[in-house]
Amino acid sequence: MTATRELSRRLRHCVLPLLCVATIAYIGYHAVQGDRGLAAWRQLSQRIDQVEAELHVARMARERLEHRVSLLRPDGLDRDMLDERARLVLGLAHPDEIIYLTR
């Protein structure tokens, strides 16, 4: 019986430290691998960088389009832009021009 009591006494002394180690390991694992952990934070950071690059490309395209639209406004009409759009959209050309069709 003394051996059993000695074993149970030693186990009681080990239970609290083992529970603490298990709790710290659990919290540490979820701090790194959890939904809001370091791994998720890295993935979100990469996604943010990717989306910011896409946003930059979209803003540049928008600025180009806004510039082209500003050239077609009546108050600042650019003759070259009007000529280019008439040729492209309406298929117009000057009467003295020679048009070469290529395939």
N, C-alpha and C. Protein backbone atom coordinates (compact mmCIF):
# COMPACT_ATOMS: atom_id res chain seq x y z
N MET A 1 0.80 -1.19 0.00
CA MET A 1 0.00 0.00 0.00
C MET A 1 0.85 1.26 0.00
N THR A 2 1.97 1.18 0.63
CA THR A 2 2.82 2.36 0.67
C THR A 2 3.34 2.72 -0.71
N ALA A 3 3.55 1.72 -1.51
CA ALA A 3 4.00 1.99 -2.88
C ALA A 3 2.89 2.67 -3.67
N THR A 4 1.66 2.26 -3.46
CA THR A 4 0.53 2.88 -4.15
C THR A 4 0.36 4.32 -3.69
N ARG A 5 0.49 4.54 -2.40
CA ARG A 5 0.36 5.91 -1.88
C ARG A 5 1.50 6.79 -2.40
N GLU A 6 2.67 6.25 -2.45
CA GLU A 6 3.83 7.01 -2.94
C GLU A 6 3.63 7.37 -4.42
N LEU A 7 3.12 6.44 -5.19
CA LEU A 7 2.86 6.69 -6.61
C LEU A 7 1.78 7.75 -6.79
N SER A 8 0.69 7.65 -6.02
CA SER A 8 -0.39 8.64 -6.15
C SER A 8 0.08 10.01 -5.69
N ARG A 9 0.95 10.06 -4.67
CA ARG A 9 1.46 11.35 -4.20
C ARG A 9 2.35 11.99 -5.28
N ARG A 10 3.17 11.21 -5.93
CA ARG A 10 4.03 11.74 -7.00
C ARG A 10 3.20 12.18 -8.21
N LEU A 11 2.16 11.44 -8.52
CA LEU A 11 1.29 11.82 -9.64
C LEU A 11 0.59 13.14 -9.35
N ARG A 12 0.15 13.34 -8.10
CA ARG A 12 -0.50 14.60 -7.74
C ARG A 12 0.45 15.77 -7.91
N HIS A 13 1.70 15.58 -7.62
CA HIS A 13 2.68 16.65 -7.78
C HIS A 13 2.98 16.93 -9.25
N CYS A 14 2.76 15.98 -10.12
CA CYS A 14 3.05 16.14 -11.55
C CYS A 14 1.86 16.66 -12.34
N VAL A 15 0.66 16.53 -11.83
CA VAL A 15 -0.54 16.87 -12.58
C VAL A 15 -0.59 18.36 -12.91
N LEU A 16 -0.38 19.22 -11.94
CA LEU A 16 -0.47 20.66 -12.17
C LEU A 16 0.58 21.14 -13.18
N PRO A 17 1.84 20.77 -13.06
CA PRO A 17 2.80 21.19 -14.09
C PRO A 17 2.47 20.65 -15.48
N LEU A 18 1.98 19.41 -15.55
CA LEU A 18 1.60 18.85 -16.86
C LEU A 18 0.42 19.60 -17.46
N LEU A 19 -0.55 19.97 -16.64
CA LEU A 19 -1.69 20.76 -17.13
C LEU A 19 -1.23 22.13 -17.62
N CYS A 20 -0.31 22.74 -16.89
CA CYS A 20 0.22 24.04 -17.30
C CYS A 20 0.97 23.93 -18.63
N VAL A 21 1.78 22.91 -18.77
CA VAL A 21 2.53 22.71 -20.02
C VAL A 21 1.56 22.45 -21.18
N ALA A 22 0.54 21.64 -20.95
CA ALA A 22 -0.45 21.34 -22.00
C ALA A 22 -1.20 22.61 -22.39
N THR A 23 -1.56 23.44 -21.41
CA THR A 23 -2.28 24.68 -21.70
C THR A 23 -1.40 25.64 -22.49
N ILE A 24 -0.16 25.78 -22.09
CA ILE A 24 0.76 26.66 -22.82
C ILE A 24 0.99 26.15 -24.24
N ALA A 25 1.13 24.85 -24.41
CA ALA A 25 1.30 24.27 -25.75
C ALA A 25 0.07 24.52 -26.61
N TYR A 26 -1.11 24.38 -26.03
CA TYR A 26 -2.36 24.61 -26.76
C TYR A 26 -2.45 26.06 -27.21
N ILE A 27 -2.19 26.98 -26.29
CA ILE A 27 -2.26 28.40 -26.63
C ILE A 27 -1.19 28.76 -27.65
N GLY A 28 0.01 28.21 -27.49
CA GLY A 28 1.08 28.48 -28.45
C GLY A 28 0.76 27.97 -29.84
N TYR A 29 0.20 26.79 -29.92
CA TYR A 29 -0.17 26.23 -31.23
C TYR A 29 -1.19 27.13 -31.92
N HIS A 30 -2.21 27.55 -31.19
CA HIS A 30 -3.25 28.37 -31.80
C HIS A 30 -2.77 29.79 -32.07
N ALA A 31 -1.77 30.25 -31.34
CA ALA A 31 -1.20 31.57 -31.63
C ALA A 31 -0.46 31.56 -32.96
N VAL A 32 0.06 30.41 -33.34
CA VAL A 32 0.79 30.32 -34.60
C VAL A 32 -0.12 29.82 -35.73
N GLN A 33 -0.87 28.77 -35.50
CA GLN A 33 -1.63 28.11 -36.55
C GLN A 33 -3.12 28.43 -36.55
N GLY A 34 -3.62 29.16 -35.62
CA GLY A 34 -5.06 29.39 -35.51
C GLY A 34 -5.60 30.34 -36.57
N ASP A 35 -6.90 30.58 -36.53
CA ASP A 35 -7.56 31.45 -37.50
C ASP A 35 -7.03 32.88 -37.45
N ARG A 36 -6.59 33.31 -36.29
CA ARG A 36 -6.05 34.65 -36.13
C ARG A 36 -4.58 34.61 -35.71
N GLY A 37 -3.90 33.55 -36.06
CA GLY A 37 -2.51 33.34 -35.66
C GLY A 37 -1.53 33.98 -36.62
N LEU A 38 -0.27 33.69 -36.40
CA LEU A 38 0.80 34.27 -37.21
C LEU A 38 0.73 33.81 -38.67
N ALA A 39 0.39 32.56 -38.90
CA ALA A 39 0.30 32.05 -40.27
C ALA A 39 -0.82 32.77 -41.03
N ALA A 40 -1.95 32.95 -40.38
CA ALA A 40 -3.06 33.67 -41.02
C ALA A 40 -2.69 35.13 -41.26
N TRP A 41 -1.95 35.71 -40.33
CA TRP A 41 -1.53 37.10 -40.48
C TRP A 41 -0.60 37.25 -41.69
N ARG A 42 0.31 36.30 -41.88
CA ARG A 42 1.20 36.34 -43.04
C ARG A 42 0.41 36.22 -44.34
N GLN A 43 -0.56 35.32 -44.37
CA GLN A 43 -1.37 35.15 -45.58
C GLN A 43 -2.17 36.42 -45.87
N LEU A 44 -2.72 37.03 -44.84
CA LEU A 44 -3.47 38.27 -45.04
C LEU A 44 -2.55 39.39 -45.52
N SER A 45 -1.35 39.45 -45.00
CA SER A 45 -0.40 40.48 -45.44
C SER A 45 -0.06 40.30 -46.92
N GLN A 46 0.15 39.07 -47.35
CA GLN A 46 0.43 38.81 -48.75
C GLN A 46 -0.77 39.17 -49.63
N ARG A 47 -1.95 38.84 -49.17
CA ARG A 47 -3.16 39.16 -49.93
C ARG A 47 -3.36 40.67 -50.02
N ILE A 48 -3.06 41.39 -48.94
CA ILE A 48 -3.17 42.85 -48.96
C ILE A 48 -2.20 43.43 -49.98
N ASP A 49 -0.97 42.94 -50.02
CA ASP A 49 0.01 43.42 -51.00
C ASP A 49 -0.47 43.15 -52.42
N GLN A 50 -1.04 41.98 -52.65
CA GLN A 50 -1.54 41.63 -53.98
C GLN A 50 -2.69 42.54 -54.38
N VAL A 51 -3.62 42.77 -53.48
CA VAL A 51 -4.79 43.61 -53.79
C VAL A 51 -4.37 45.06 -53.99
N GLU A 52 -3.38 45.53 -53.22
CA GLU A 52 -2.89 46.90 -53.42
C GLU A 52 -2.24 47.06 -54.78
N ALA A 53 -1.54 46.03 -55.26
CA ALA A 53 -0.96 46.08 -56.60
C ALA A 53 -2.06 46.13 -57.66
N GLU A 54 -3.11 45.33 -57.48
CA GLU A 54 -4.24 45.36 -58.41
C GLU A 54 -4.92 46.72 -58.38
N LEU A 55 -5.04 47.30 -57.20
CA LEU A 55 -5.65 48.63 -57.06
C LEU A 55 -4.83 49.67 -57.79
N HIS A 56 -3.51 49.58 -57.70
CA HIS A 56 -2.65 50.53 -58.39
C HIS A 56 -2.84 50.44 -59.90
N VAL A 57 -2.91 49.22 -60.42
CA VAL A 57 -3.13 49.03 -61.86
C VAL A 57 -4.48 49.60 -62.27
N ALA A 58 -5.51 49.35 -61.47
CA ALA A 58 -6.84 49.86 -61.79
C ALA A 58 -6.88 51.39 -61.75
N ARG A 59 -6.18 51.98 -60.79
CA ARG A 59 -6.15 53.45 -60.71
C ARG A 59 -5.43 54.05 -61.90
N MET A 60 -4.35 53.41 -62.35
CA MET A 60 -3.63 53.92 -63.52
C MET A 60 -4.52 53.83 -64.76
N ALA A 61 -5.25 52.73 -64.91
CA ALA A 61 -6.16 52.60 -66.05
C ALA A 61 -7.25 53.66 -65.98
N ARG A 62 -7.75 53.91 -64.79
CA ARG A 62 -8.80 54.93 -64.64
C ARG A 62 -8.26 56.31 -64.99
N GLU A 63 -7.05 56.63 -64.56
CA GLU A 63 -6.46 57.93 -64.89
C GLU A 63 -6.29 58.09 -66.40
N ARG A 64 -5.86 57.01 -67.08
CA ARG A 64 -5.73 57.08 -68.54
C ARG A 64 -7.08 57.35 -69.19
N LEU A 65 -8.12 56.63 -68.72
CA LEU A 65 -9.45 56.82 -69.29
C LEU A 65 -9.98 58.22 -68.99
N GLU A 66 -9.76 58.71 -67.77
CA GLU A 66 -10.22 60.06 -67.44
C GLU A 66 -9.53 61.10 -68.31
N HIS A 67 -8.25 60.87 -68.60
CA HIS A 67 -7.53 61.81 -69.46
C HIS A 67 -8.11 61.78 -70.88
N ARG A 68 -8.39 60.60 -71.38
CA ARG A 68 -8.98 60.51 -72.73
C ARG A 68 -10.36 61.13 -72.77
N VAL A 69 -11.15 60.94 -71.73
CA VAL A 69 -12.48 61.54 -71.68
C VAL A 69 -12.37 63.05 -71.62
N SER A 70 -11.39 63.56 -70.86
CA SER A 70 -11.23 65.01 -70.77
C SER A 70 -10.86 65.62 -72.12
N LEU A 71 -10.18 64.85 -72.96
CA LEU A 71 -9.84 65.36 -74.30
C LEU A 71 -11.06 65.41 -75.21
N LEU A 72 -12.11 64.68 -74.90
CA LEU A 72 -13.32 64.68 -75.72
C LEU A 72 -14.40 65.61 -75.20
N ARG A 73 -14.17 66.29 -74.11
CA ARG A 73 -15.17 67.21 -73.56
C ARG A 73 -15.29 68.44 -74.46
N PRO A 74 -16.49 69.01 -74.56
CA PRO A 74 -16.70 70.15 -75.47
C PRO A 74 -15.87 71.38 -75.11
N ASP A 75 -15.62 71.63 -73.84
CA ASP A 75 -14.87 72.83 -73.46
C ASP A 75 -13.39 72.72 -73.80
N GLY A 76 -12.85 71.55 -73.95
CA GLY A 76 -11.44 71.39 -74.27
C GLY A 76 -11.24 70.33 -75.33
N LEU A 77 -12.00 70.37 -76.40
CA LEU A 77 -11.99 69.33 -77.42
C LEU A 77 -10.65 69.30 -78.15
N ASP A 78 -10.04 68.17 -78.20
CA ASP A 78 -8.77 67.98 -78.89
C ASP A 78 -9.09 67.44 -80.29
N ARG A 79 -8.64 68.17 -81.31
CA ARG A 79 -8.97 67.79 -82.69
C ARG A 79 -8.38 66.43 -83.06
N ASP A 80 -7.20 66.15 -82.60
CA ASP A 80 -6.59 64.85 -82.92
C ASP A 80 -7.38 63.69 -82.30
N MET A 81 -7.84 63.88 -81.06
CA MET A 81 -8.63 62.83 -80.41
C MET A 81 -9.97 62.66 -81.12
N LEU A 82 -10.59 63.75 -81.52
CA LEU A 82 -11.86 63.66 -82.24
C LEU A 82 -11.66 62.94 -83.57
N ASP A 83 -10.58 63.26 -84.27
CA ASP A 83 -10.28 62.61 -85.54
C ASP A 83 -10.04 61.11 -85.33
N GLU A 84 -9.28 60.77 -84.30
CA GLU A 84 -9.01 59.36 -84.01
C GLU A 84 -10.29 58.59 -83.70
N ARG A 85 -11.15 59.15 -82.87
CA ARG A 85 -12.40 58.47 -82.50
C ARG A 85 -13.34 58.35 -83.71
N ALA A 86 -13.41 59.38 -84.56
CA ALA A 86 -14.27 59.31 -85.74
C ALA A 86 -13.79 58.21 -86.69
N ARG A 87 -12.49 58.08 -86.83
CA ARG A 87 -11.96 57.03 -87.70
C ARG A 87 -12.24 55.64 -87.14
N LEU A 88 -12.06 55.50 -85.85
CA LEU A 88 -12.20 54.19 -85.23
C LEU A 88 -13.67 53.78 -85.11
N VAL A 89 -14.50 54.65 -84.59
CA VAL A 89 -15.89 54.28 -84.30
C VAL A 89 -16.76 54.34 -85.55
N LEU A 90 -16.64 55.40 -86.31
CA LEU A 90 -17.52 55.60 -87.46
C LEU A 90 -16.94 55.08 -88.77
N GLY A 91 -15.67 54.76 -88.79
CA GLY A 91 -15.05 54.28 -90.02
C GLY A 91 -14.85 55.40 -91.03
N LEU A 92 -14.68 56.62 -90.57
CA LEU A 92 -14.51 57.76 -91.48
C LEU A 92 -13.05 57.94 -91.87
N ALA A 93 -12.85 58.58 -93.02
CA ALA A 93 -11.51 58.92 -93.49
C ALA A 93 -11.62 60.20 -94.31
N HIS A 94 -10.49 60.87 -94.51
CA HIS A 94 -10.48 62.07 -95.35
C HIS A 94 -10.64 61.66 -96.81
N PRO A 95 -11.25 62.53 -97.62
CA PRO A 95 -11.47 62.16 -99.03
C PRO A 95 -10.18 61.93 -99.82
N ASP A 96 -9.10 62.58 -99.46
CA ASP A 96 -7.87 62.44 -100.24
C ASP A 96 -6.93 61.36 -99.68
N GLU A 97 -7.38 60.59 -98.72
CA GLU A 97 -6.54 59.55 -98.14
C GLU A 97 -6.62 58.26 -98.95
N ILE A 98 -5.51 57.54 -98.98
CA ILE A 98 -5.47 56.23 -99.61
C ILE A 98 -5.41 55.20 -98.48
N ILE A 99 -6.30 54.23 -98.52
CA ILE A 99 -6.41 53.23 -97.46
C ILE A 99 -5.88 51.91 -97.99
N TYR A 100 -4.95 51.31 -97.27
CA TYR A 100 -4.41 50.01 -97.62
C TYR A 100 -4.99 48.98 -96.66
N LEU A 101 -5.60 47.96 -97.19
CA LEU A 101 -6.14 46.88 -96.36
C LEU A 101 -5.12 45.76 -96.28
N THR A 102 -4.82 45.34 -95.08
CA THR A 102 -3.87 44.25 -94.89
C THR A 102 -4.57 43.10 -94.21
N ARG A 103 -4.04 41.93 -94.44
CA ARG A 103 -4.62 40.75 -93.79
C ARG A 103 -3.62 40.13 -92.90
